[in-house]
Amino acid sequence: MNRYTIAFSDLPLADLSEVGGKKASIGGTIRNLSPLGIMIPDGFAITGEAFNEFSKFNKIYFLVQHGIDSISFNPDEIMKGIENIAAAEAMRCVITQSTFPNSNTINSFL
């Protein structure tokens, strides 16, 4: 792969900060169960660097960061649930309406 993607089977838990906990966990599961004959299809994780470059190209980096910062992760603030959903939806719209700079960039992600 490359600096934008990492195969799940190549993901050590040390890459937790680069790809996130769920993806690093999938990598660990593949590595631990494959020797036991349990086959799990491989895939790949998109790195934080890839997302950062994508978001900077589209000038959405600070919009997304602001959205993340506005989400409450405090379980005592249940009333913020609707606000959290609205912030997540706004970030989703900004990201899905963004574009890749050119086809060479898309190819470098794969």
N, C-alpha and C. Protein backbone atom coordinates (compact mmCIF):
# COMPACT_ATOMS: atom_id res chain seq x y z
N MET A 1 0.85 -1.18 0.00
CA MET A 1 0.00 0.00 0.00
C MET A 1 0.90 1.25 0.00
N ASN A 2 0.44 2.35 0.57
CA ASN A 2 1.21 3.58 0.56
C ASN A 2 0.90 4.39 1.82
N ARG A 3 1.31 5.62 1.84
CA ARG A 3 1.11 6.42 3.06
C ARG A 3 -0.35 6.81 3.28
N TYR A 4 -1.21 6.60 2.27
CA TYR A 4 -2.62 6.93 2.41
C TYR A 4 -3.48 5.74 2.83
N THR A 5 -2.99 4.55 2.58
CA THR A 5 -3.74 3.34 2.94
C THR A 5 -2.80 2.31 3.55
N ILE A 6 -3.35 1.50 4.44
CA ILE A 6 -2.59 0.41 5.05
C ILE A 6 -3.50 -0.82 5.06
N ALA A 7 -2.97 -1.94 4.58
CA ALA A 7 -3.76 -3.18 4.60
C ALA A 7 -4.07 -3.55 6.04
N PHE A 8 -5.29 -4.03 6.29
CA PHE A 8 -5.65 -4.44 7.65
C PHE A 8 -4.65 -5.44 8.20
N SER A 9 -4.22 -6.38 7.36
CA SER A 9 -3.30 -7.42 7.83
C SER A 9 -1.92 -6.85 8.20
N ASP A 10 -1.62 -5.64 7.76
CA ASP A 10 -0.35 -4.99 8.09
C ASP A 10 -0.46 -4.00 9.24
N LEU A 11 -1.63 -3.92 9.85
CA LEU A 11 -1.86 -2.91 10.88
C LEU A 11 -1.50 -3.42 12.27
N PRO A 12 -0.41 -2.95 12.83
CA PRO A 12 -0.15 -3.27 14.24
C PRO A 12 -0.98 -2.33 15.11
N LEU A 13 -1.22 -2.72 16.33
CA LEU A 13 -1.97 -1.83 17.23
C LEU A 13 -1.23 -0.52 17.45
N ALA A 14 0.05 -0.49 17.14
CA ALA A 14 0.81 0.75 17.26
C ALA A 14 0.29 1.82 16.31
N ASP A 15 -0.42 1.41 15.24
CA ASP A 15 -0.96 2.37 14.28
C ASP A 15 -2.31 2.93 14.71
N LEU A 16 -2.68 2.68 15.95
CA LEU A 16 -3.96 3.12 16.46
C LEU A 16 -4.21 4.61 16.18
N SER A 17 -3.24 5.45 16.43
CA SER A 17 -3.43 6.88 16.24
C SER A 17 -3.49 7.26 14.76
N GLU A 18 -2.97 6.44 13.89
CA GLU A 18 -2.95 6.75 12.47
C GLU A 18 -4.23 6.33 11.75
N VAL A 19 -4.88 5.26 12.19
CA VAL A 19 -6.06 4.76 11.48
C VAL A 19 -7.28 4.61 12.36
N GLY A 20 -7.14 4.75 13.66
CA GLY A 20 -8.27 4.61 14.56
C GLY A 20 -8.35 3.23 15.17
N GLY A 21 -9.03 3.14 16.29
CA GLY A 21 -9.10 1.91 17.06
C GLY A 21 -9.81 0.77 16.38
N LYS A 22 -10.94 1.04 15.71
CA LYS A 22 -11.69 -0.05 15.08
C LYS A 22 -10.88 -0.72 13.98
N LYS A 23 -10.22 0.08 13.17
CA LYS A 23 -9.44 -0.49 12.07
C LYS A 23 -8.21 -1.23 12.58
N ALA A 24 -7.54 -0.67 13.57
CA ALA A 24 -6.39 -1.35 14.16
C ALA A 24 -6.83 -2.67 14.79
N SER A 25 -8.02 -2.69 15.39
CA SER A 25 -8.54 -3.91 15.98
C SER A 25 -8.83 -4.97 14.91
N ILE A 26 -9.35 -4.54 13.77
CA ILE A 26 -9.58 -5.48 12.66
C ILE A 26 -8.25 -6.10 12.23
N GLY A 27 -7.21 -5.27 12.14
CA GLY A 27 -5.89 -5.79 11.78
C GLY A 27 -5.40 -6.83 12.77
N GLY A 28 -5.57 -6.55 14.06
CA GLY A 28 -5.16 -7.51 15.09
C GLY A 28 -5.96 -8.80 15.01
N THR A 29 -7.25 -8.67 14.72
CA THR A 29 -8.10 -9.87 14.60
C THR A 29 -7.64 -10.74 13.44
N ILE A 30 -7.35 -10.11 12.30
CA ILE A 30 -6.88 -10.87 11.13
C ILE A 30 -5.57 -11.59 11.46
N ARG A 31 -4.62 -10.87 12.07
CA ARG A 31 -3.32 -11.47 12.39
C ARG A 31 -3.44 -12.60 13.41
N ASN A 32 -4.34 -12.45 14.37
CA ASN A 32 -4.46 -13.47 15.42
C ASN A 32 -5.26 -14.69 15.00
N LEU A 33 -6.25 -14.52 14.15
CA LEU A 33 -7.10 -15.64 13.79
C LEU A 33 -6.66 -16.38 12.53
N SER A 34 -5.95 -15.70 11.63
CA SER A 34 -5.50 -16.36 10.41
C SER A 34 -4.64 -17.60 10.68
N PRO A 35 -3.69 -17.55 11.63
CA PRO A 35 -2.89 -18.75 11.91
C PRO A 35 -3.73 -19.92 12.44
N LEU A 36 -4.92 -19.62 12.95
CA LEU A 36 -5.79 -20.67 13.48
C LEU A 36 -6.71 -21.24 12.39
N GLY A 37 -6.53 -20.75 11.15
CA GLY A 37 -7.34 -21.23 10.04
C GLY A 37 -8.65 -20.50 9.88
N ILE A 38 -8.88 -19.47 10.64
CA ILE A 38 -10.09 -18.66 10.50
C ILE A 38 -9.76 -17.53 9.52
N MET A 39 -10.35 -17.61 8.35
CA MET A 39 -10.02 -16.66 7.30
C MET A 39 -10.96 -15.46 7.35
N ILE A 40 -10.38 -14.31 7.40
CA ILE A 40 -11.11 -13.05 7.40
C ILE A 40 -10.61 -12.26 6.19
N PRO A 41 -11.52 -11.80 5.34
CA PRO A 41 -11.07 -11.06 4.16
C PRO A 41 -10.28 -9.82 4.57
N ASP A 42 -9.18 -9.59 3.87
CA ASP A 42 -8.36 -8.41 4.14
C ASP A 42 -9.03 -7.20 3.51
N GLY A 43 -8.66 -6.06 3.95
CA GLY A 43 -9.15 -4.79 3.41
C GLY A 43 -8.08 -3.76 3.69
N PHE A 44 -8.47 -2.50 3.69
CA PHE A 44 -7.48 -1.47 3.98
C PHE A 44 -8.11 -0.34 4.76
N ALA A 45 -7.27 0.38 5.47
CA ALA A 45 -7.69 1.55 6.23
C ALA A 45 -7.12 2.78 5.56
N ILE A 46 -7.90 3.82 5.54
CA ILE A 46 -7.41 5.11 5.05
C ILE A 46 -6.75 5.81 6.24
N THR A 47 -5.57 6.33 6.03
CA THR A 47 -4.80 6.93 7.13
C THR A 47 -5.28 8.33 7.47
N GLY A 48 -4.92 8.77 8.65
CA GLY A 48 -5.20 10.14 9.06
C GLY A 48 -4.55 11.14 8.13
N GLU A 49 -3.36 10.81 7.65
CA GLU A 49 -2.67 11.71 6.71
C GLU A 49 -3.49 11.90 5.44
N ALA A 50 -4.10 10.83 4.94
CA ALA A 50 -4.92 10.93 3.73
C ALA A 50 -6.11 11.85 3.98
N PHE A 51 -6.79 11.65 5.11
CA PHE A 51 -7.94 12.50 5.40
C PHE A 51 -7.51 13.95 5.58
N ASN A 52 -6.40 14.18 6.27
CA ASN A 52 -5.93 15.55 6.48
C ASN A 52 -5.63 16.24 5.15
N GLU A 53 -4.96 15.55 4.23
CA GLU A 53 -4.66 16.15 2.93
C GLU A 53 -5.94 16.42 2.14
N PHE A 54 -6.88 15.47 2.16
CA PHE A 54 -8.17 15.63 1.50
C PHE A 54 -8.92 16.83 2.06
N SER A 55 -8.96 16.94 3.39
CA SER A 55 -9.71 18.03 4.01
C SER A 55 -9.03 19.38 3.81
N LYS A 56 -7.71 19.41 3.77
CA LYS A 56 -7.02 20.68 3.51
C LYS A 56 -7.22 21.12 2.06
N PHE A 57 -7.18 20.18 1.12
CA PHE A 57 -7.42 20.52 -0.29
C PHE A 57 -8.80 21.15 -0.47
N ASN A 58 -9.78 20.61 0.23
CA ASN A 58 -11.15 21.10 0.11
C ASN A 58 -11.47 22.24 1.08
N LYS A 59 -10.46 22.65 1.83
CA LYS A 59 -10.61 23.73 2.81
C LYS A 59 -11.75 23.45 3.80
N ILE A 60 -11.84 22.20 4.22
CA ILE A 60 -12.87 21.81 5.19
C ILE A 60 -12.27 21.37 6.52
N TYR A 61 -10.95 21.40 6.62
CA TYR A 61 -10.28 20.90 7.82
C TYR A 61 -10.82 21.55 9.08
N PHE A 62 -10.89 22.88 9.08
CA PHE A 62 -11.32 23.58 10.29
C PHE A 62 -12.82 23.44 10.52
N LEU A 63 -13.61 23.31 9.45
CA LEU A 63 -15.05 23.05 9.60
C LEU A 63 -15.28 21.71 10.29
N VAL A 64 -14.57 20.69 9.84
CA VAL A 64 -14.71 19.36 10.43
C VAL A 64 -14.22 19.38 11.88
N GLN A 65 -13.08 20.00 12.12
CA GLN A 65 -12.54 20.07 13.48
C GLN A 65 -13.52 20.79 14.40
N HIS A 66 -14.12 21.88 13.92
CA HIS A 66 -15.11 22.61 14.72
C HIS A 66 -16.31 21.70 15.03
N GLY A 67 -16.74 20.92 14.04
CA GLY A 67 -17.84 19.99 14.25
C GLY A 67 -17.51 18.96 15.31
N ILE A 68 -16.30 18.42 15.24
CA ILE A 68 -15.87 17.43 16.24
C ILE A 68 -15.82 18.06 17.62
N ASP A 69 -15.28 19.27 17.68
CA ASP A 69 -15.18 19.96 18.97
C ASP A 69 -16.54 20.28 19.57
N SER A 70 -17.58 20.42 18.73
CA SER A 70 -18.90 20.78 19.24
C SER A 70 -19.69 19.58 19.76
N ILE A 71 -19.19 18.37 19.49
CA ILE A 71 -19.90 17.16 19.94
C ILE A 71 -19.58 16.89 21.40
N SER A 72 -20.62 16.63 22.16
CA SER A 72 -20.44 16.29 23.57
C SER A 72 -20.30 14.79 23.71
N PHE A 73 -19.25 14.37 24.39
CA PHE A 73 -19.02 12.96 24.66
C PHE A 73 -19.33 12.63 26.12
N ASN A 74 -19.91 13.57 26.82
CA ASN A 74 -20.25 13.40 28.23
C ASN A 74 -21.60 12.69 28.34
N PRO A 75 -21.65 11.48 28.92
CA PRO A 75 -22.92 10.75 29.02
C PRO A 75 -23.97 11.46 29.87
N ASP A 76 -23.56 12.41 30.71
CA ASP A 76 -24.51 13.15 31.53
C ASP A 76 -25.26 14.22 30.74
N GLU A 77 -24.80 14.48 29.51
CA GLU A 77 -25.43 15.52 28.70
C GLU A 77 -26.29 14.89 27.60
N ILE A 78 -27.24 14.07 28.01
CA ILE A 78 -28.08 13.35 27.05
C ILE A 78 -28.87 14.31 26.18
N MET A 79 -29.24 15.44 26.70
CA MET A 79 -30.03 16.40 25.92
C MET A 79 -29.24 16.96 24.73
N LYS A 80 -27.93 16.79 24.74
CA LYS A 80 -27.12 17.27 23.62
C LYS A 80 -27.19 16.30 22.45
N GLY A 81 -27.92 15.19 22.60
CA GLY A 81 -27.99 14.18 21.55
C GLY A 81 -28.40 14.73 20.21
N ILE A 82 -29.44 15.56 20.18
CA ILE A 82 -29.91 16.13 18.91
C ILE A 82 -28.85 17.06 18.33
N GLU A 83 -28.20 17.84 19.18
CA GLU A 83 -27.13 18.72 18.70
C GLU A 83 -25.97 17.90 18.15
N ASN A 84 -25.64 16.77 18.79
CA ASN A 84 -24.58 15.90 18.29
C ASN A 84 -24.94 15.35 16.91
N ILE A 85 -26.18 14.92 16.75
CA ILE A 85 -26.62 14.38 15.46
C ILE A 85 -26.54 15.47 14.39
N ALA A 86 -26.95 16.68 14.72
CA ALA A 86 -26.89 17.78 13.76
C ALA A 86 -25.45 18.09 13.37
N ALA A 87 -24.54 18.08 14.33
CA ALA A 87 -23.12 18.35 14.04
C ALA A 87 -22.55 17.25 13.15
N ALA A 88 -22.88 16.00 13.45
CA ALA A 88 -22.38 14.88 12.64
C ALA A 88 -22.93 14.96 11.22
N GLU A 89 -24.21 15.28 11.08
CA GLU A 89 -24.82 15.40 9.75
C GLU A 89 -24.18 16.54 8.95
N ALA A 90 -23.91 17.65 9.61
CA ALA A 90 -23.26 18.78 8.93
C ALA A 90 -21.87 18.38 8.43
N MET A 91 -21.11 17.65 9.27
CA MET A 91 -19.78 17.20 8.85
C MET A 91 -19.89 16.22 7.69
N ARG A 92 -20.86 15.31 7.75
CA ARG A 92 -21.06 14.33 6.68
C ARG A 92 -21.35 15.05 5.35
N CYS A 93 -22.20 16.06 5.38
CA CYS A 93 -22.52 16.80 4.16
C CYS A 93 -21.29 17.51 3.59
N VAL A 94 -20.52 18.14 4.46
CA VAL A 94 -19.31 18.85 4.01
C VAL A 94 -18.33 17.86 3.36
N ILE A 95 -18.15 16.71 3.98
CA ILE A 95 -17.20 15.72 3.47
C ILE A 95 -17.68 15.11 2.16
N THR A 96 -18.95 14.73 2.09
CA THR A 96 -19.44 14.05 0.88
C THR A 96 -19.57 14.99 -0.31
N GLN A 97 -19.63 16.29 -0.07
CA GLN A 97 -19.69 17.25 -1.17
C GLN A 97 -18.30 17.70 -1.61
N SER A 98 -17.28 17.19 -0.96
CA SER A 98 -15.90 17.55 -1.31
C SER A 98 -15.40 16.68 -2.46
N THR A 99 -14.32 17.12 -3.08
CA THR A 99 -13.78 16.40 -4.23
C THR A 99 -12.30 16.07 -4.03
N PHE A 100 -11.83 15.11 -4.80
CA PHE A 100 -10.40 14.82 -4.85
C PHE A 100 -9.77 15.79 -5.85
N PRO A 101 -8.53 16.18 -5.65
CA PRO A 101 -7.92 17.17 -6.53
C PRO A 101 -7.81 16.72 -7.99
N ASN A 102 -7.48 15.44 -8.23
CA ASN A 102 -7.40 14.93 -9.60
C ASN A 102 -7.34 13.41 -9.56
N SER A 103 -7.40 12.79 -10.72
CA SER A 103 -7.44 11.32 -10.76
C SER A 103 -6.15 10.70 -10.23
N ASN A 104 -5.02 11.39 -10.38
CA ASN A 104 -3.76 10.84 -9.84
C ASN A 104 -3.81 10.75 -8.32
N THR A 105 -4.51 11.70 -7.70
CA THR A 105 -4.65 11.65 -6.25
C THR A 105 -5.49 10.46 -5.84
N ILE A 106 -6.58 10.21 -6.56
CA ILE A 106 -7.41 9.06 -6.25
C ILE A 106 -6.59 7.78 -6.37
N ASN A 107 -5.81 7.66 -7.43
CA ASN A 107 -4.98 6.47 -7.63
C ASN A 107 -3.96 6.31 -6.51
N SER A 108 -3.46 7.43 -5.97
CA SER A 108 -2.46 7.31 -4.90
C SER A 108 -3.11 6.84 -3.60
N PHE A 109 -4.43 6.97 -3.47
CA PHE A 109 -5.12 6.47 -2.29
C PHE A 109 -5.26 4.96 -2.35
N LEU A 110 -5.28 4.38 -3.54
CA LEU A 110 -5.57 2.95 -3.68
C LEU A 110 -4.31 2.11 -3.79
